[in-house]
Amino acid sequence: MNYYYFLIPILIGIVAGSFLVLYQPQSIDSKILTQSNLIENGSPVLGYSNAPITILEW
């Protein structure tokens, strides 16, 4: 009977682990951080937009 107490957490771990391995979230292009998404979504820009160097600061 004591073996059942060890079996339950192991089965929960196997189910949770298989879900984490098999679950593939779909990426949405609007959430990917790119320079064009930052500029188009109204981020503050200081300087020329066609400058050869871009510095991003958070």
PDB file of N, CA and C in Angstrom:
ATOM      1  N   MET A   1       0.809  -1.190   0.000  1.00  0.00           N
ATOM      2  CA  MET A   1       0.000   0.000   0.000  1.00  0.00           C
ATOM      3  C   MET A   1       0.857   1.261   0.000  1.00  0.00           C
ATOM      4  N   ASN A   2       2.031   1.207   0.545  1.00  0.00           N
ATOM      5  CA  ASN A   2       2.915   2.367   0.581  1.00  0.00           C
ATOM      6  C   ASN A   2       3.444   2.735  -0.799  1.00  0.00           C
ATOM      7  N   TYR A   3       3.440   1.769  -1.716  1.00  0.00           N
ATOM      8  CA  TYR A   3       3.922   2.037  -3.061  1.00  0.00           C
ATOM      9  C   TYR A   3       2.977   2.953  -3.829  1.00  0.00           C
ATOM     10  N   TYR A   4       1.711   2.955  -3.496  1.00  0.00           N
ATOM     11  CA  TYR A   4       0.747   3.816  -4.171  1.00  0.00           C
ATOM     12  C   TYR A   4       1.038   5.292  -3.892  1.00  0.00           C
ATOM     13  N   TYR A   5       1.554   5.587  -2.721  1.00  0.00           N
ATOM     14  CA  TYR A   5       1.872   6.966  -2.383  1.00  0.00           C
ATOM     15  C   TYR A   5       3.028   7.500  -3.228  1.00  0.00           C
ATOM     16  N   PHE A   6       3.916   6.631  -3.653  1.00  0.00           N
ATOM     17  CA  PHE A   6       5.014   7.031  -4.522  1.00  0.00           C
ATOM     18  C   PHE A   6       4.595   7.044  -5.984  1.00  0.00           C
ATOM     19  N   LEU A   7       3.620   6.249  -6.335  1.00  0.00           N
ATOM     20  CA  LEU A   7       3.190   6.128  -7.724  1.00  0.00           C
ATOM     21  C   LEU A   7       2.412   7.354  -8.202  1.00  0.00           C
ATOM     22  N   ILE A   8       1.616   7.953  -7.318  1.00  0.00           N
ATOM     23  CA  ILE A   8       0.791   9.104  -7.704  1.00  0.00           C
ATOM     24  C   ILE A   8       1.647  10.301  -8.119  1.00  0.00           C
ATOM     25  N   PRO A   9       2.654  10.743  -7.352  1.00  0.00           N
ATOM     26  CA  PRO A   9       3.478  11.877  -7.816  1.00  0.00           C
ATOM     27  C   PRO A   9       4.282  11.559  -9.073  1.00  0.00           C
ATOM     28  N   ILE A  10       4.680  10.310  -9.221  1.00  0.00           N
ATOM     29  CA  ILE A  10       5.421   9.927 -10.412  1.00  0.00           C
ATOM     30  C   ILE A  10       4.528  10.020 -11.644  1.00  0.00           C
ATOM     31  N   LEU A  11       3.292   9.558 -11.550  1.00  0.00           N
ATOM     32  CA  LEU A  11       2.367   9.646 -12.684  1.00  0.00           C
ATOM     33  C   LEU A  11       2.028  11.099 -13.009  1.00  0.00           C
ATOM     34  N   ILE A  12       1.842  11.920 -11.987  1.00  0.00           N
ATOM     35  CA  ILE A  12       1.582  13.344 -12.226  1.00  0.00           C
ATOM     36  C   ILE A  12       2.786  13.993 -12.910  1.00  0.00           C
ATOM     37  N   GLY A  13       3.978  13.650 -12.500  1.00  0.00           N
ATOM     38  CA  GLY A  13       5.193  14.181 -13.126  1.00  0.00           C
ATOM     39  C   GLY A  13       5.334  13.749 -14.574  1.00  0.00           C
ATOM     40  N   ILE A  14       4.990  12.506 -14.873  1.00  0.00           N
ATOM     41  CA  ILE A  14       5.075  12.013 -16.249  1.00  0.00           C
ATOM     42  C   ILE A  14       4.073  12.738 -17.134  1.00  0.00           C
ATOM     43  N   VAL A  15       2.843  12.906 -16.638  1.00  0.00           N
ATOM     44  CA  VAL A  15       1.818  13.599 -17.427  1.00  0.00           C
ATOM     45  C   VAL A  15       2.214  15.065 -17.642  1.00  0.00           C
ATOM     46  N   ALA A  16       2.651  15.741 -16.583  1.00  0.00           N
ATOM     47  CA  ALA A  16       3.041  17.148 -16.707  1.00  0.00           C
ATOM     48  C   ALA A  16       4.274  17.301 -17.601  1.00  0.00           C
ATOM     49  N   GLY A  17       5.231  16.416 -17.468  1.00  0.00           N
ATOM     50  CA  GLY A  17       6.430  16.472 -18.301  1.00  0.00           C
ATOM     51  C   GLY A  17       6.135  16.235 -19.761  1.00  0.00           C
ATOM     52  N   SER A  18       5.260  15.279 -20.049  1.00  0.00           N
ATOM     53  CA  SER A  18       4.923  15.020 -21.456  1.00  0.00           C
ATOM     54  C   SER A  18       4.150  16.187 -22.049  1.00  0.00           C
ATOM     55  N   PHE A  19       3.311  16.847 -21.248  1.00  0.00           N
ATOM     56  CA  PHE A  19       2.603  18.021 -21.743  1.00  0.00           C
ATOM     57  C   PHE A  19       3.591  19.139 -22.072  1.00  0.00           C
ATOM     58  N   LEU A  20       4.569  19.378 -21.207  1.00  0.00           N
ATOM     59  CA  LEU A  20       5.541  20.434 -21.451  1.00  0.00           C
ATOM     60  C   LEU A  20       6.421  20.148 -22.659  1.00  0.00           C
ATOM     61  N   VAL A  21       6.718  18.888 -22.895  1.00  0.00           N
ATOM     62  CA  VAL A  21       7.561  18.530 -24.033  1.00  0.00           C
ATOM     63  C   VAL A  21       6.784  18.614 -25.337  1.00  0.00           C
ATOM     64  N   LEU A  22       5.545  18.178 -25.333  1.00  0.00           N
ATOM     65  CA  LEU A  22       4.772  18.107 -26.566  1.00  0.00           C
ATOM     66  C   LEU A  22       4.054  19.408 -26.914  1.00  0.00           C
ATOM     67  N   TYR A  23       3.881  20.303 -25.957  1.00  0.00           N
ATOM     68  CA  TYR A  23       3.161  21.549 -26.211  1.00  0.00           C
ATOM     69  C   TYR A  23       4.074  22.525 -26.938  1.00  0.00           C
ATOM     70  N   GLN A  24       3.666  22.958 -28.122  1.00  0.00           N
ATOM     71  CA  GLN A  24       4.421  23.916 -28.915  1.00  0.00           C
ATOM     72  C   GLN A  24       3.578  25.175 -29.087  1.00  0.00           C
ATOM     73  N   PRO A  25       3.904  26.252 -28.384  1.00  0.00           N
ATOM     74  CA  PRO A  25       3.105  27.469 -28.536  1.00  0.00           C
ATOM     75  C   PRO A  25       3.296  28.070 -29.912  1.00  0.00           C
ATOM     76  N   GLN A  26       2.224  28.597 -30.467  1.00  0.00           N
ATOM     77  CA  GLN A  26       2.296  29.221 -31.782  1.00  0.00           C
ATOM     78  C   GLN A  26       2.738  30.662 -31.604  1.00  0.00           C
ATOM     79  N   SER A  27       3.755  31.039 -32.360  1.00  0.00           N
ATOM     80  CA  SER A  27       4.250  32.406 -32.253  1.00  0.00           C
ATOM     81  C   SER A  27       3.442  33.320 -33.163  1.00  0.00           C
ATOM     82  N   ILE A  28       3.147  34.493 -32.655  1.00  0.00           N
ATOM     83  CA  ILE A  28       2.434  35.499 -33.419  1.00  0.00           C
ATOM     84  C   ILE A  28       3.454  36.545 -33.846  1.00  0.00           C
ATOM     85  N   ASP A  29       3.450  36.889 -35.133  1.00  0.00           N
ATOM     86  CA  ASP A  29       4.456  37.792 -35.658  1.00  0.00           C
ATOM     87  C   ASP A  29       4.422  39.164 -34.997  1.00  0.00           C
ATOM     88  N   SER A  30       3.270  39.607 -34.520  1.00  0.00           N
ATOM     89  CA  SER A  30       3.193  40.934 -33.911  1.00  0.00           C
ATOM     90  C   SER A  30       3.886  40.984 -32.552  1.00  0.00           C
ATOM     91  N   LYS A  31       4.111  39.823 -31.921  1.00  0.00           N
ATOM     92  CA  LYS A  31       4.764  39.806 -30.622  1.00  0.00           C
ATOM     93  C   LYS A  31       6.273  39.635 -30.721  1.00  0.00           C
ATOM     94  N   ILE A  32       6.791  39.350 -31.903  1.00  0.00           N
ATOM     95  CA  ILE A  32       8.229  39.183 -32.076  1.00  0.00           C
ATOM     96  C   ILE A  32       8.882  40.555 -32.072  1.00  0.00           C
ATOM     97  N   LEU A  33       9.925  40.711 -31.289  1.00  0.00           N
ATOM     98  CA  LEU A  33      10.597  41.997 -31.130  1.00  0.00           C
ATOM     99  C   LEU A  33      11.537  42.228 -32.306  1.00  0.00           C
ATOM    100  N   THR A  34      11.140  43.116 -33.187  1.00  0.00           N
ATOM    101  CA  THR A  34      11.981  43.522 -34.312  1.00  0.00           C
ATOM    102  C   THR A  34      12.024  45.038 -34.355  1.00  0.00           C
ATOM    103  N   GLN A  35      12.955  45.564 -35.132  1.00  0.00           N
ATOM    104  CA  GLN A  35      13.092  47.008 -35.245  1.00  0.00           C
ATOM    105  C   GLN A  35      11.846  47.627 -35.874  1.00  0.00           C
ATOM    106  N   SER A  36      11.289  46.993 -36.894  1.00  0.00           N
ATOM    107  CA  SER A  36      10.109  47.557 -37.547  1.00  0.00           C
ATOM    108  C   SER A  36       8.888  47.537 -36.623  1.00  0.00           C
ATOM    109  N   ASN A  37       8.736  46.486 -35.811  1.00  0.00           N
ATOM    110  CA  ASN A  37       7.622  46.454 -34.857  1.00  0.00           C
ATOM    111  C   ASN A  37       7.770  47.524 -33.786  1.00  0.00           C
ATOM    112  N   LEU A  38       8.994  47.800 -33.363  1.00  0.00           N
ATOM    113  CA  LEU A  38       9.200  48.842 -32.367  1.00  0.00           C
ATOM    114  C   LEU A  38       8.840  50.218 -32.923  1.00  0.00           C
ATOM    115  N   ILE A  39       9.228  50.496 -34.151  1.00  0.00           N
ATOM    116  CA  ILE A  39       8.976  51.805 -34.742  1.00  0.00           C
ATOM    117  C   ILE A  39       7.500  51.961 -35.100  1.00  0.00           C
ATOM    118  N   GLU A  40       6.882  50.925 -35.664  1.00  0.00           N
ATOM    119  CA  GLU A  40       5.491  51.010 -36.096  1.00  0.00           C
ATOM    120  C   GLU A  40       4.522  51.096 -34.920  1.00  0.00           C
ATOM    121  N   ASN A  41       4.864  50.547 -33.786  1.00  0.00           N
ATOM    122  CA  ASN A  41       3.949  50.527 -32.649  1.00  0.00           C
ATOM    123  C   ASN A  41       4.074  51.760 -31.772  1.00  0.00           C
ATOM    124  N   GLY A  42       4.689  52.815 -32.265  1.00  0.00           N
ATOM    125  CA  GLY A  42       4.700  54.077 -31.553  1.00  0.00           C
ATOM    126  C   GLY A  42       5.773  54.220 -30.506  1.00  0.00           C
ATOM    127  N   SER A  43       6.905  53.564 -30.672  1.00  0.00           N
ATOM    128  CA  SER A  43       7.976  53.734 -29.705  1.00  0.00           C
ATOM    129  C   SER A  43       8.661  55.074 -29.954  1.00  0.00           C
ATOM    130  N   PRO A  44       9.220  55.691 -28.933  1.00  0.00           N
ATOM    131  CA  PRO A  44       9.899  56.973 -29.123  1.00  0.00           C
ATOM    132  C   PRO A  44      11.203  56.789 -29.905  1.00  0.00           C
ATOM    133  N   VAL A  45      11.401  57.627 -30.896  1.00  0.00           N
ATOM    134  CA  VAL A  45      12.598  57.560 -31.731  1.00  0.00           C
ATOM    135  C   VAL A  45      13.287  58.911 -31.643  1.00  0.00           C
ATOM    136  N   LEU A  46      14.572  58.894 -31.381  1.00  0.00           N
ATOM    137  CA  LEU A  46      15.365  60.112 -31.308  1.00  0.00           C
ATOM    138  C   LEU A  46      16.441  60.026 -32.379  1.00  0.00           C
ATOM    139  N   GLY A  47      16.472  60.949 -33.294  1.00  0.00           N
ATOM    140  CA  GLY A  47      17.473  60.957 -34.350  1.00  0.00           C
ATOM    141  C   GLY A  47      16.858  60.584 -35.685  1.00  0.00           C
ATOM    142  N   TYR A  48      17.728  60.313 -36.645  1.00  0.00           N
ATOM    143  CA  TYR A  48      17.287  59.999 -37.998  1.00  0.00           C
ATOM    144  C   TYR A  48      16.847  58.541 -38.089  1.00  0.00           C
ATOM    145  N   SER A  49      15.778  58.295 -38.804  1.00  0.00           N
ATOM    146  CA  SER A  49      15.288  56.918 -38.931  1.00  0.00           C
ATOM    147  C   SER A  49      16.166  56.080 -39.850  1.00  0.00           C
ATOM    148  N   ASN A  50      16.962  56.712 -40.734  1.00  0.00           N
ATOM    149  CA  ASN A  50      17.822  55.942 -41.643  1.00  0.00           C
ATOM    150  C   ASN A  50      19.288  56.013 -41.222  1.00  0.00           C
ATOM    151  N   ALA A  51      19.560  56.194 -39.933  1.00  0.00           N
ATOM    152  CA  ALA A  51      20.940  56.246 -39.423  1.00  0.00           C
ATOM    153  C   ALA A  51      21.596  54.874 -39.544  1.00  0.00           C
ATOM    154  N   PRO A  52      22.915  54.822 -39.747  1.00  0.00           N
ATOM    155  CA  PRO A  52      23.589  53.524 -39.906  1.00  0.00           C
ATOM    156  C   PRO A  52      23.683  52.726 -38.595  1.00  0.00           C
ATOM    157  N   ILE A  53      23.492  53.373 -37.447  1.00  0.00           N
ATOM    158  CA  ILE A  53      23.586  52.684 -36.145  1.00  0.00           C
ATOM    159  C   ILE A  53      22.271  52.882 -35.405  1.00  0.00           C
ATOM    160  N   THR A  54      21.760  51.801 -34.826  1.00  0.00           N
ATOM    161  CA  THR A  54      20.539  51.862 -34.039  1.00  0.00           C
ATOM    162  C   THR A  54      20.858  51.426 -32.617  1.00  0.00           C
ATOM    163  N   ILE A  55      20.521  52.242 -31.636  1.00  0.00           N
ATOM    164  CA  ILE A  55      20.740  51.905 -30.240  1.00  0.00           C
ATOM    165  C   ILE A  55      19.379  51.805 -29.568  1.00  0.00           C
ATOM    166  N   LEU A  56      19.114  50.658 -28.955  1.00  0.00           N
ATOM    167  CA  LEU A  56      17.865  50.443 -28.224  1.00  0.00           C
ATOM    168  C   LEU A  56      18.215  50.387 -26.744  1.00  0.00           C
ATOM    169  N   GLU A  57      17.454  51.134 -25.933  1.00  0.00           N
ATOM    170  CA  GLU A  57      17.707  51.155 -24.496  1.00  0.00           C
ATOM    171  C   GLU A  57      16.384  50.938 -23.766  1.00  0.00           C
ATOM    172  N   TRP A  58      16.416  50.023 -22.783  1.00  0.00           N
ATOM    173  CA  TRP A  58      15.229  49.771 -21.976  1.00  0.00           C
ATOM    174  C   TRP A  58      15.487  50.227 -20.582  1.00  0.00           C
TER     175      TRP A  58
END
